[in-house]
Amino acid sequence: MKGVGKTFRQLRLKADFDPNTGAVSLTPSFDQRTDTDFYLDEIMSIFEKYSLRKRIVVAFDEFQEVGNYGLPNFEAKLRSHIERHQRICYIFSGSQRHMLSEMFNRKSRAFYKLADSFPIGKIRTEHYVPWARNLFSRSGIDIGLECITDIVSRFDNHPMYIQQFLFHLWNNLVMHKKSVSTELINTIEKDIIEKHQAEYETLWVNLTQNQKKILKLVVLNDGKNLFSSQALIEVELKTASSVTKGLEALLKKEIISKNGGYTIQDVIFKKWLIKNLHL
């Protein structure tokens, strides 16, 4: 426990409040004056000592961000710790599948072939239905299957956006005494998009003309068959190389992701594009 106390005396917690959901999140950070290797060694040592008493599971979310730390040999040092832990199961998850794949499948990377791949698909619509109905039933509201299915479909089964939308729907039904209707659902969706107007305008103006055309290409073709001559003509692109270059730039900016085809990561941004580009 002395090691735990020594390590976590340097820990700082930053509290953030989400005005959309009312949720409070805590983000840990450490004193930047202390050597990063110290924290890594101490924390991994704590895991190892605890695992001698009981097997544990350690899960890293958004693990691809490790590649952005910019610390010398950090990945190699982390791997060296993990390989010594015989009684710990490690889970590496993240939303950027192409970046995770590069980390674990490129020979030059420290985590090459360290773990088996286990892709997880979207949460299926039928799993959202009882969850959503239960949430609304606590306030005495019976929300129909068709309504939930419509909302899930609109936001492409994305948990964060569905949760955000359901909060606004609940707020309208409970606080403003409105009734569920297609008109209300359309209004809430429109309001959510408009709240991000300034953010998306800034993002858009900072893209090159080629990148803007690539985004339009992705939307119009649902992220597939992007190199066909007809698709290129439709967005006024002349060469496949310009498509490749634009896709690479947008992947690096984390605006799109590649999971089979190409998708725009932010569902609301995609809706904003469709609305403002009249697609």
C-alpha atoms as a PDB file:
ATOM      1  CA  MET A   1       0.000   0.000   0.000  1.00  0.00           C
ATOM      2  CA  LYS A   2       2.966   2.314   0.481  1.00  0.00           C
ATOM      3  CA  GLY A   3       3.641   2.093  -3.249  1.00  0.00           C
ATOM      4  CA  VAL A   4       0.026   2.934  -4.024  1.00  0.00           C
ATOM      5  CA  GLY A   5       0.137   5.962  -1.727  1.00  0.00           C
ATOM      6  CA  LYS A   6       3.402   7.206  -3.192  1.00  0.00           C
ATOM      7  CA  THR A   7       2.063   6.962  -6.737  1.00  0.00           C
ATOM      8  CA  PHE A   8      -1.386   8.397  -6.199  1.00  0.00           C
ATOM      9  CA  ARG A   9      -0.283  11.343  -4.091  1.00  0.00           C
ATOM     10  CA  GLN A  10       0.688  12.830  -7.454  1.00  0.00           C
ATOM     11  CA  LEU A  11      -2.736  12.106  -8.951  1.00  0.00           C
ATOM     12  CA  ARG A  12      -5.022  14.992  -9.878  1.00  0.00           C
ATOM     13  CA  LEU A  13      -8.672  14.639 -10.860  1.00  0.00           C
ATOM     14  CA  LYS A  14     -10.427  16.979 -13.286  1.00  0.00           C
ATOM     15  CA  ALA A  15     -14.231  17.017 -13.131  1.00  0.00           C
ATOM     16  CA  ASP A  16     -16.302  17.654 -16.283  1.00  0.00           C
ATOM     17  CA  PHE A  17     -20.061  18.183 -16.466  1.00  0.00           C
ATOM     18  CA  ASP A  18     -22.052  17.122 -19.555  1.00  0.00           C
ATOM     19  CA  PRO A  19     -24.961  19.614 -19.934  1.00  0.00           C
ATOM     20  CA  ASN A  20     -26.762  17.226 -22.311  1.00  0.00           C
ATOM     21  CA  THR A  21     -26.980  14.236 -19.977  1.00  0.00           C
ATOM     22  CA  GLY A  22     -26.179  15.731 -16.584  1.00  0.00           C
ATOM     23  CA  ALA A  23     -23.381  13.194 -16.176  1.00  0.00           C
ATOM     24  CA  VAL A  24     -20.185  14.032 -14.302  1.00  0.00           C
ATOM     25  CA  SER A  25     -16.899  12.488 -15.434  1.00  0.00           C
ATOM     26  CA  LEU A  26     -13.529  12.443 -13.685  1.00  0.00           C
ATOM     27  CA  THR A  27     -10.305  12.518 -15.699  1.00  0.00           C
ATOM     28  CA  PRO A  28      -7.072  11.579 -13.895  1.00  0.00           C
ATOM     29  CA  SER A  29      -3.775  13.336 -14.574  1.00  0.00           C
ATOM     30  CA  PHE A  30      -0.364  13.300 -12.967  1.00  0.00           C
ATOM     31  CA  ASP A  31       2.150  15.897 -11.940  1.00  0.00           C
ATOM     32  CA  GLN A  32       4.047  16.651 -15.147  1.00  0.00           C
ATOM     33  CA  ARG A  33       7.200  17.371 -13.185  1.00  0.00           C
ATOM     34  CA  THR A  34       7.577  13.697 -12.344  1.00  0.00           C
ATOM     35  CA  ASP A  35       9.238  11.312 -14.800  1.00  0.00           C
ATOM     36  CA  THR A  36       6.667   9.411 -16.891  1.00  0.00           C
ATOM     37  CA  ASP A  37       8.657   6.191 -16.517  1.00  0.00           C
ATOM     38  CA  PHE A  38       8.143   6.441 -12.769  1.00  0.00           C
ATOM     39  CA  TYR A  39       4.375   6.375 -13.135  1.00  0.00           C
ATOM     40  CA  LEU A  40       4.438   3.536 -15.638  1.00  0.00           C
ATOM     41  CA  ASP A  41       6.756   1.409 -13.507  1.00  0.00           C
ATOM     42  CA  GLU A  42       4.819   2.093 -10.309  1.00  0.00           C
ATOM     43  CA  ILE A  43       1.359   1.481 -11.743  1.00  0.00           C
ATOM     44  CA  MET A  44       2.366  -1.710 -13.544  1.00  0.00           C
ATOM     45  CA  SER A  45       4.108  -2.883 -10.381  1.00  0.00           C
ATOM     46  CA  ILE A  46       0.871  -2.355  -8.439  1.00  0.00           C
ATOM     47  CA  PHE A  47      -1.026  -4.450 -11.002  1.00  0.00           C
ATOM     48  CA  GLU A  48       1.547  -7.215 -10.808  1.00  0.00           C
ATOM     49  CA  LYS A  49       1.600  -7.359  -7.000  1.00  0.00           C
ATOM     50  CA  TYR A  50      -2.180  -7.440  -6.773  1.00  0.00           C
ATOM     51  CA  SER A  51      -2.398 -10.181  -9.415  1.00  0.00           C
ATOM     52  CA  LEU A  52      -0.279 -12.471  -7.230  1.00  0.00           C
ATOM     53  CA  ARG A  53      -3.223 -12.564  -4.826  1.00  0.00           C
ATOM     54  CA  LYS A  54      -6.008 -12.617  -7.403  1.00  0.00           C
ATOM     55  CA  ARG A  55      -6.194 -12.820 -11.178  1.00  0.00           C
ATOM     56  CA  ILE A  56      -7.293  -9.505 -12.679  1.00  0.00           C
ATOM     57  CA  VAL A  57      -8.371  -7.974 -15.973  1.00  0.00           C
ATOM     58  CA  VAL A  58      -6.981  -4.607 -17.120  1.00  0.00           C
ATOM     59  CA  ALA A  59      -8.832  -2.878 -19.952  1.00  0.00           C
ATOM     60  CA  PHE A  60      -7.376  -0.002 -21.980  1.00  0.00           C
ATOM     61  CA  ASP A  61     -10.031   2.045 -23.768  1.00  0.00           C
ATOM     62  CA  GLU A  62      -9.090   4.104 -26.858  1.00  0.00           C
ATOM     63  CA  PHE A  63      -5.745   2.347 -26.748  1.00  0.00           C
ATOM     64  CA  GLN A  64      -4.688   3.785 -30.123  1.00  0.00           C
ATOM     65  CA  GLU A  65      -4.059   7.081 -28.323  1.00  0.00           C
ATOM     66  CA  VAL A  66      -0.900   5.534 -26.848  1.00  0.00           C
ATOM     67  CA  GLY A  67       0.667   6.089 -30.262  1.00  0.00           C
ATOM     68  CA  ASN A  68       0.114   9.848 -29.893  1.00  0.00           C
ATOM     69  CA  TYR A  69       1.936  10.241 -26.591  1.00  0.00           C
ATOM     70  CA  GLY A  70       5.203  11.143 -28.308  1.00  0.00           C
ATOM     71  CA  LEU A  71       7.230   9.653 -25.445  1.00  0.00           C
ATOM     72  CA  PRO A  72      10.417   7.800 -26.449  1.00  0.00           C
ATOM     73  CA  ASN A  73      10.010   4.001 -26.366  1.00  0.00           C
ATOM     74  CA  PHE A  74       6.795   4.216 -24.354  1.00  0.00           C
ATOM     75  CA  GLU A  75       5.104   1.408 -26.290  1.00  0.00           C
ATOM     76  CA  ALA A  76       8.132  -0.851 -25.910  1.00  0.00           C
ATOM     77  CA  LYS A  77       8.343  -0.162 -22.169  1.00  0.00           C
ATOM     78  CA  LEU A  78       4.647  -0.871 -21.717  1.00  0.00           C
ATOM     79  CA  ARG A  79       4.932  -4.136 -23.637  1.00  0.00           C
ATOM     80  CA  SER A  80       7.880  -5.254 -21.518  1.00  0.00           C
ATOM     81  CA  HIS A  81       5.729  -4.854 -18.407  1.00  0.00           C
ATOM     82  CA  ILE A  82       2.717  -6.626 -19.910  1.00  0.00           C
ATOM     83  CA  GLU A  83       4.764  -9.633 -21.056  1.00  0.00           C
ATOM     84  CA  ARG A  84       5.909 -10.268 -17.493  1.00  0.00           C
ATOM     85  CA  HIS A  85       2.376 -10.386 -16.112  1.00  0.00           C
ATOM     86  CA  GLN A  86       1.272 -14.011 -16.106  1.00  0.00           C
ATOM     87  CA  ARG A  87      -1.897 -13.558 -14.038  1.00  0.00           C
ATOM     88  CA  ILE A  88      -3.314 -10.480 -15.777  1.00  0.00           C
ATOM     89  CA  CYS A  89      -5.584 -10.450 -18.821  1.00  0.00           C
ATOM     90  CA  TYR A  90      -5.204  -7.292 -20.901  1.00  0.00           C
ATOM     91  CA  ILE A  91      -7.910  -5.913 -23.179  1.00  0.00           C
ATOM     92  CA  PHE A  92      -6.986  -3.262 -25.758  1.00  0.00           C
ATOM     93  CA  SER A  93     -10.023  -1.514 -27.213  1.00  0.00           C
ATOM     94  CA  GLY A  94     -10.548   1.567 -29.327  1.00  0.00           C
ATOM     95  CA  SER A  95     -12.759   3.247 -31.889  1.00  0.00           C
ATOM     96  CA  GLN A  96     -10.004   3.677 -34.485  1.00  0.00           C
ATOM     97  CA  ARG A  97      -9.786   0.140 -35.822  1.00  0.00           C
ATOM     98  CA  HIS A  98      -7.264   0.958 -38.529  1.00  0.00           C
ATOM     99  CA  MET A  99      -4.913   2.519 -35.965  1.00  0.00           C
ATOM    100  CA  LEU A 100      -5.246  -0.438 -33.596  1.00  0.00           C
ATOM    101  CA  SER A 101      -4.609  -2.792 -36.494  1.00  0.00           C
ATOM    102  CA  GLU A 102      -1.433  -0.908 -37.359  1.00  0.00           C
ATOM    103  CA  MET A 103      -0.222  -1.088 -33.756  1.00  0.00           C
ATOM    104  CA  PHE A 104      -0.655  -4.862 -33.538  1.00  0.00           C
ATOM    105  CA  ASN A 105       0.072  -5.945 -37.118  1.00  0.00           C
ATOM    106  CA  ARG A 106       3.005  -3.795 -38.244  1.00  0.00           C
ATOM    107  CA  LYS A 107       6.359  -5.422 -37.503  1.00  0.00           C
ATOM    108  CA  SER A 108       8.003  -2.114 -36.635  1.00  0.00           C
ATOM    109  CA  ARG A 109       5.560  -1.466 -33.766  1.00  0.00           C
ATOM    110  CA  ALA A 110       6.248  -2.631 -30.223  1.00  0.00           C
ATOM    111  CA  PHE A 111       2.872  -4.342 -29.828  1.00  0.00           C
ATOM    112  CA  TYR A 112       3.277  -6.474 -32.961  1.00  0.00           C
ATOM    113  CA  LYS A 113       1.230  -9.699 -32.544  1.00  0.00           C
ATOM    114  CA  LEU A 114       0.915  -9.197 -28.783  1.00  0.00           C
ATOM    115  CA  ALA A 115      -2.847  -9.838 -28.759  1.00  0.00           C
ATOM    116  CA  ASP A 116      -5.522 -11.648 -30.735  1.00  0.00           C
ATOM    117  CA  SER A 117      -8.054  -9.557 -32.644  1.00  0.00           C
ATOM    118  CA  PHE A 118     -11.685  -9.674 -31.575  1.00  0.00           C
ATOM    119  CA  PRO A 119     -13.750  -7.130 -33.561  1.00  0.00           C
ATOM    120  CA  ILE A 120     -16.941  -5.984 -31.853  1.00  0.00           C
ATOM    121  CA  GLY A 121     -19.839  -4.885 -34.018  1.00  0.00           C
ATOM    122  CA  LYS A 122     -22.515  -2.316 -33.306  1.00  0.00           C
ATOM    123  CA  ILE A 123     -24.979  -2.849 -30.480  1.00  0.00           C
ATOM    124  CA  ARG A 124     -27.980  -4.375 -32.207  1.00  0.00           C
ATOM    125  CA  THR A 125     -31.261  -2.485 -32.194  1.00  0.00           C
ATOM    126  CA  GLU A 126     -33.130  -5.201 -30.288  1.00  0.00           C
ATOM    127  CA  HIS A 127     -30.786  -4.672 -27.341  1.00  0.00           C
ATOM    128  CA  TYR A 128     -31.572  -0.952 -27.192  1.00  0.00           C
ATOM    129  CA  VAL A 129     -35.331  -1.505 -27.006  1.00  0.00           C
ATOM    130  CA  PRO A 130     -35.728  -2.987 -23.480  1.00  0.00           C
ATOM    131  CA  TRP A 131     -33.028  -0.658 -22.124  1.00  0.00           C
ATOM    132  CA  ALA A 132     -34.744   2.472 -23.470  1.00  0.00           C
ATOM    133  CA  ARG A 133     -38.241   1.344 -22.489  1.00  0.00           C
ATOM    134  CA  ASN A 134     -37.058   0.641 -18.957  1.00  0.00           C
ATOM    135  CA  LEU A 135     -35.514   4.119 -18.653  1.00  0.00           C
ATOM    136  CA  PHE A 136     -38.718   5.843 -19.712  1.00  0.00           C
ATOM    137  CA  SER A 137     -40.937   3.542 -17.636  1.00  0.00           C
ATOM    138  CA  ARG A 138     -39.273   4.932 -14.495  1.00  0.00           C
ATOM    139  CA  SER A 139     -40.990   8.228 -15.291  1.00  0.00           C
ATOM    140  CA  GLY A 140     -44.268   6.514 -16.125  1.00  0.00           C
ATOM    141  CA  ILE A 141     -43.784   6.830 -19.897  1.00  0.00           C
ATOM    142  CA  ASP A 142     -44.494   3.968 -22.285  1.00  0.00           C
ATOM    143  CA  ILE A 143     -42.370   4.566 -25.361  1.00  0.00           C
ATOM    144  CA  GLY A 144     -43.179   2.403 -28.356  1.00  0.00           C
ATOM    145  CA  LEU A 145     -40.978  -0.042 -30.252  1.00  0.00           C
ATOM    146  CA  GLU A 146     -41.267   1.898 -33.520  1.00  0.00           C
ATOM    147  CA  CYS A 147     -40.122   5.107 -31.848  1.00  0.00           C
ATOM    148  CA  ILE A 148     -37.016   3.510 -30.326  1.00  0.00           C
ATOM    149  CA  THR A 149     -36.182   1.705 -33.562  1.00  0.00           C
ATOM    150  CA  ASP A 150     -36.470   4.980 -35.490  1.00  0.00           C
ATOM    151  CA  ILE A 151     -34.146   6.814 -33.075  1.00  0.00           C
ATOM    152  CA  VAL A 152     -31.548   4.026 -33.093  1.00  0.00           C
ATOM    153  CA  SER A 153     -31.600   3.946 -36.902  1.00  0.00           C
ATOM    154  CA  ARG A 154     -31.224   7.728 -37.189  1.00  0.00           C
ATOM    155  CA  PHE A 155     -28.046   7.624 -35.120  1.00  0.00           C
ATOM    156  CA  ASP A 156     -26.585   4.517 -36.698  1.00  0.00           C
ATOM    157  CA  ASN A 157     -26.723   2.489 -33.440  1.00  0.00           C
ATOM    158  CA  HIS A 158     -24.161   4.820 -31.841  1.00  0.00           C
ATOM    159  CA  PRO A 159     -24.553   4.582 -28.019  1.00  0.00           C
ATOM    160  CA  MET A 160     -23.443   8.117 -27.133  1.00  0.00           C
ATOM    161  CA  TYR A 161     -25.740   9.872 -29.593  1.00  0.00           C
ATOM    162  CA  ILE A 162     -28.687   7.610 -28.808  1.00  0.00           C
ATOM    163  CA  GLN A 163     -28.267   8.308 -25.095  1.00  0.00           C
ATOM    164  CA  GLN A 164     -28.024  12.045 -25.790  1.00  0.00           C
ATOM    165  CA  PHE A 165     -31.141  11.995 -27.959  1.00  0.00           C
ATOM    166  CA  LEU A 166     -33.144   9.982 -25.419  1.00  0.00           C
ATOM    167  CA  PHE A 167     -32.239  12.503 -22.718  1.00  0.00           C
ATOM    168  CA  HIS A 168     -33.650  15.349 -24.833  1.00  0.00           C
ATOM    169  CA  LEU A 169     -36.726  13.268 -25.640  1.00  0.00           C
ATOM    170  CA  TRP A 170     -37.263  12.500 -21.944  1.00  0.00           C
ATOM    171  CA  ASN A 171     -36.813  16.189 -21.107  1.00  0.00           C
ATOM    172  CA  ASN A 172     -39.492  17.171 -23.622  1.00  0.00           C
ATOM    173  CA  LEU A 173     -41.921  14.502 -22.443  1.00  0.00           C
ATOM    174  CA  VAL A 174     -41.457  14.950 -18.688  1.00  0.00           C
ATOM    175  CA  MET A 175     -40.460  18.583 -18.217  1.00  0.00           C
ATOM    176  CA  HIS A 176     -42.419  20.135 -21.086  1.00  0.00           C
ATOM    177  CA  LYS A 177     -45.333  17.663 -21.083  1.00  0.00           C
ATOM    178  CA  LYS A 178     -45.106  16.946 -24.805  1.00  0.00           C
ATOM    179  CA  SER A 179     -46.223  13.750 -26.554  1.00  0.00           C
ATOM    180  CA  VAL A 180     -44.102  11.397 -28.630  1.00  0.00           C
ATOM    181  CA  SER A 181     -44.452  12.130 -32.337  1.00  0.00           C
ATOM    182  CA  THR A 182     -42.407  12.074 -35.509  1.00  0.00           C
ATOM    183  CA  GLU A 183     -42.537  15.873 -35.486  1.00  0.00           C
ATOM    184  CA  LEU A 184     -40.997  15.989 -32.003  1.00  0.00           C
ATOM    185  CA  ILE A 185     -38.276  13.504 -32.959  1.00  0.00           C
ATOM    186  CA  ASN A 186     -37.447  15.566 -36.066  1.00  0.00           C
ATOM    187  CA  THR A 187     -37.296  18.755 -33.978  1.00  0.00           C
ATOM    188  CA  ILE A 188     -34.948  17.233 -31.410  1.00  0.00           C
ATOM    189  CA  GLU A 189     -32.659  15.932 -34.146  1.00  0.00           C
ATOM    190  CA  LYS A 190     -32.608  19.356 -35.806  1.00  0.00           C
ATOM    191  CA  ASP A 191     -31.824  21.056 -32.476  1.00  0.00           C
ATOM    192  CA  ILE A 192     -28.919  18.691 -31.784  1.00  0.00           C
ATOM    193  CA  ILE A 193     -27.413  19.382 -35.204  1.00  0.00           C
ATOM    194  CA  GLU A 194     -27.814  23.148 -34.783  1.00  0.00           C
ATOM    195  CA  LYS A 195     -26.047  23.078 -31.403  1.00  0.00           C
ATOM    196  CA  HIS A 196     -22.920  21.882 -33.209  1.00  0.00           C
ATOM    197  CA  GLN A 197     -23.173  24.479 -36.014  1.00  0.00           C
ATOM    198  CA  ALA A 198     -20.206  26.634 -34.962  1.00  0.00           C
ATOM    199  CA  GLU A 199     -18.043  23.586 -34.219  1.00  0.00           C
ATOM    200  CA  TYR A 200     -18.693  21.982 -37.604  1.00  0.00           C
ATOM    201  CA  GLU A 201     -18.299  25.240 -39.528  1.00  0.00           C
ATOM    202  CA  THR A 202     -14.833  25.645 -38.004  1.00  0.00           C
ATOM    203  CA  LEU A 203     -13.966  22.062 -38.883  1.00  0.00           C
ATOM    204  CA  TRP A 204     -15.209  22.515 -42.440  1.00  0.00           C
ATOM    205  CA  VAL A 205     -13.358  25.750 -43.219  1.00  0.00           C
ATOM    206  CA  ASN A 206     -10.085  24.210 -42.041  1.00  0.00           C
ATOM    207  CA  LEU A 207     -10.295  21.368 -44.553  1.00  0.00           C
ATOM    208  CA  THR A 208      -8.698  21.551 -47.986  1.00  0.00           C
ATOM    209  CA  GLN A 209     -10.912  21.535 -51.059  1.00  0.00           C
ATOM    210  CA  ASN A 210      -9.787  17.991 -51.804  1.00  0.00           C
ATOM    211  CA  GLN A 211     -10.715  16.826 -48.303  1.00  0.00           C
ATOM    212  CA  LYS A 212     -14.146  18.444 -48.606  1.00  0.00           C
ATOM    213  CA  LYS A 213     -14.729  16.571 -51.853  1.00  0.00           C
ATOM    214  CA  ILE A 214     -13.628  13.321 -50.234  1.00  0.00           C
ATOM    215  CA  LEU A 215     -16.153  13.781 -47.414  1.00  0.00           C
ATOM    216  CA  LYS A 216     -18.853  14.385 -49.982  1.00  0.00           C
ATOM    217  CA  LEU A 217     -17.663  11.268 -51.828  1.00  0.00           C
ATOM    218  CA  VAL A 218     -17.899   9.172 -48.646  1.00  0.00           C
ATOM    219  CA  VAL A 219     -21.416  10.404 -47.853  1.00  0.00           C
ATOM    220  CA  LEU A 220     -22.775   9.943 -51.364  1.00  0.00           C
ATOM    221  CA  ASN A 221     -21.384   6.428 -51.715  1.00  0.00           C
ATOM    222  CA  ASP A 222     -21.861   5.218 -48.150  1.00  0.00           C
ATOM    223  CA  GLY A 223     -18.086   4.817 -47.877  1.00  0.00           C
ATOM    224  CA  LYS A 224     -17.835   2.165 -50.607  1.00  0.00           C
ATOM    225  CA  ASN A 225     -16.605   2.021 -54.215  1.00  0.00           C
ATOM    226  CA  LEU A 226     -14.944   5.398 -53.820  1.00  0.00           C
ATOM    227  CA  PHE A 227     -12.563   4.928 -56.745  1.00  0.00           C
ATOM    228  CA  SER A 228     -15.118   4.279 -59.481  1.00  0.00           C
ATOM    229  CA  SER A 229     -15.041   6.744 -62.367  1.00  0.00           C
ATOM    230  CA  GLN A 230     -18.695   7.676 -61.863  1.00  0.00           C
ATOM    231  CA  ALA A 231     -18.143   8.425 -58.175  1.00  0.00           C
ATOM    232  CA  LEU A 232     -15.124  10.620 -58.967  1.00  0.00           C
ATOM    233  CA  ILE A 233     -16.981  12.560 -61.647  1.00  0.00           C
ATOM    234  CA  GLU A 234     -19.883  13.213 -59.273  1.00  0.00           C
ATOM    235  CA  VAL A 235     -17.639  15.110 -56.820  1.00  0.00           C
ATOM    236  CA  GLU A 236     -15.341  16.603 -59.480  1.00  0.00           C
ATOM    237  CA  LEU A 237     -12.251  14.570 -58.615  1.00  0.00           C
ATOM    238  CA  LYS A 238      -9.926  13.616 -61.453  1.00  0.00           C
ATOM    239  CA  THR A 239      -7.526  10.986 -60.097  1.00  0.00           C
ATOM    240  CA  ALA A 240      -7.614   8.031 -57.715  1.00  0.00           C
ATOM    241  CA  SER A 241      -4.399   9.292 -56.140  1.00  0.00           C
ATOM    242  CA  SER A 242      -6.185  12.425 -54.927  1.00  0.00           C
ATOM    243  CA  VAL A 243      -8.783  10.196 -53.272  1.00  0.00           C
ATOM    244  CA  THR A 244      -6.083   8.154 -51.551  1.00  0.00           C
ATOM    245  CA  LYS A 245      -4.329  11.298 -50.336  1.00  0.00           C
ATOM    246  CA  GLY A 246      -7.564  12.813 -49.045  1.00  0.00           C
ATOM    247  CA  LEU A 247      -8.634   9.627 -47.265  1.00  0.00           C
ATOM    248  CA  GLU A 248      -5.264   9.369 -45.529  1.00  0.00           C
ATOM    249  CA  ALA A 249      -5.503  12.970 -44.333  1.00  0.00           C
ATOM    250  CA  LEU A 250      -9.047  12.519 -43.008  1.00  0.00           C
ATOM    251  CA  LEU A 251      -8.074   9.278 -41.266  1.00  0.00           C
ATOM    252  CA  LYS A 252      -5.180  11.074 -39.607  1.00  0.00           C
ATOM    253  CA  LYS A 253      -7.513  13.859 -38.492  1.00  0.00           C
ATOM    254  CA  GLU A 254      -9.848  11.131 -37.142  1.00  0.00           C
ATOM    255  CA  ILE A 255     -12.764  12.582 -39.095  1.00  0.00           C
ATOM    256  CA  ILE A 256     -13.350   9.271 -40.849  1.00  0.00           C
ATOM    257  CA  SER A 257     -12.560   5.686 -39.907  1.00  0.00           C
ATOM    258  CA  LYS A 258     -11.951   2.583 -41.974  1.00  0.00           C
ATOM    259  CA  ASN A 259     -13.811  -0.526 -40.914  1.00  0.00           C
ATOM    260  CA  GLY A 260     -14.297  -2.356 -44.179  1.00  0.00           C
ATOM    261  CA  GLY A 261     -15.605   0.757 -45.908  1.00  0.00           C
ATOM    262  CA  TYR A 262     -15.074   4.356 -44.845  1.00  0.00           C
ATOM    263  CA  THR A 263     -17.403   6.034 -42.373  1.00  0.00           C
ATOM    264  CA  ILE A 264     -17.651   9.523 -40.929  1.00  0.00           C
ATOM    265  CA  GLN A 265     -17.003   9.007 -37.243  1.00  0.00           C
ATOM    266  CA  ASP A 266     -19.270  11.736 -35.921  1.00  0.00           C
ATOM    267  CA  VAL A 267     -22.845  10.791 -36.825  1.00  0.00           C
ATOM    268  CA  ILE A 268     -24.051  14.340 -36.154  1.00  0.00           C
ATOM    269  CA  PHE A 269     -21.349  15.779 -38.414  1.00  0.00           C
ATOM    270  CA  LYS A 270     -22.527  13.458 -41.178  1.00  0.00           C
ATOM    271  CA  LYS A 271     -26.067  14.755 -40.743  1.00  0.00           C
ATOM    272  CA  TRP A 272     -24.726  18.319 -40.791  1.00  0.00           C
ATOM    273  CA  LEU A 273     -22.934  17.609 -44.073  1.00  0.00           C
ATOM    274  CA  ILE A 274     -26.051  16.131 -45.656  1.00  0.00           C
ATOM    275  CA  LYS A 275     -28.070  19.161 -44.608  1.00  0.00           C
ATOM    276  CA  ASN A 276     -25.583  21.880 -45.554  1.00  0.00           C
ATOM    277  CA  LEU A 277     -24.291  20.295 -48.770  1.00  0.00           C
ATOM    278  CA  HIS A 278     -27.851  19.396 -49.815  1.00  0.00           C
ATOM    279  CA  LEU A 279     -26.889  15.762 -50.370  1.00  0.00           C
END
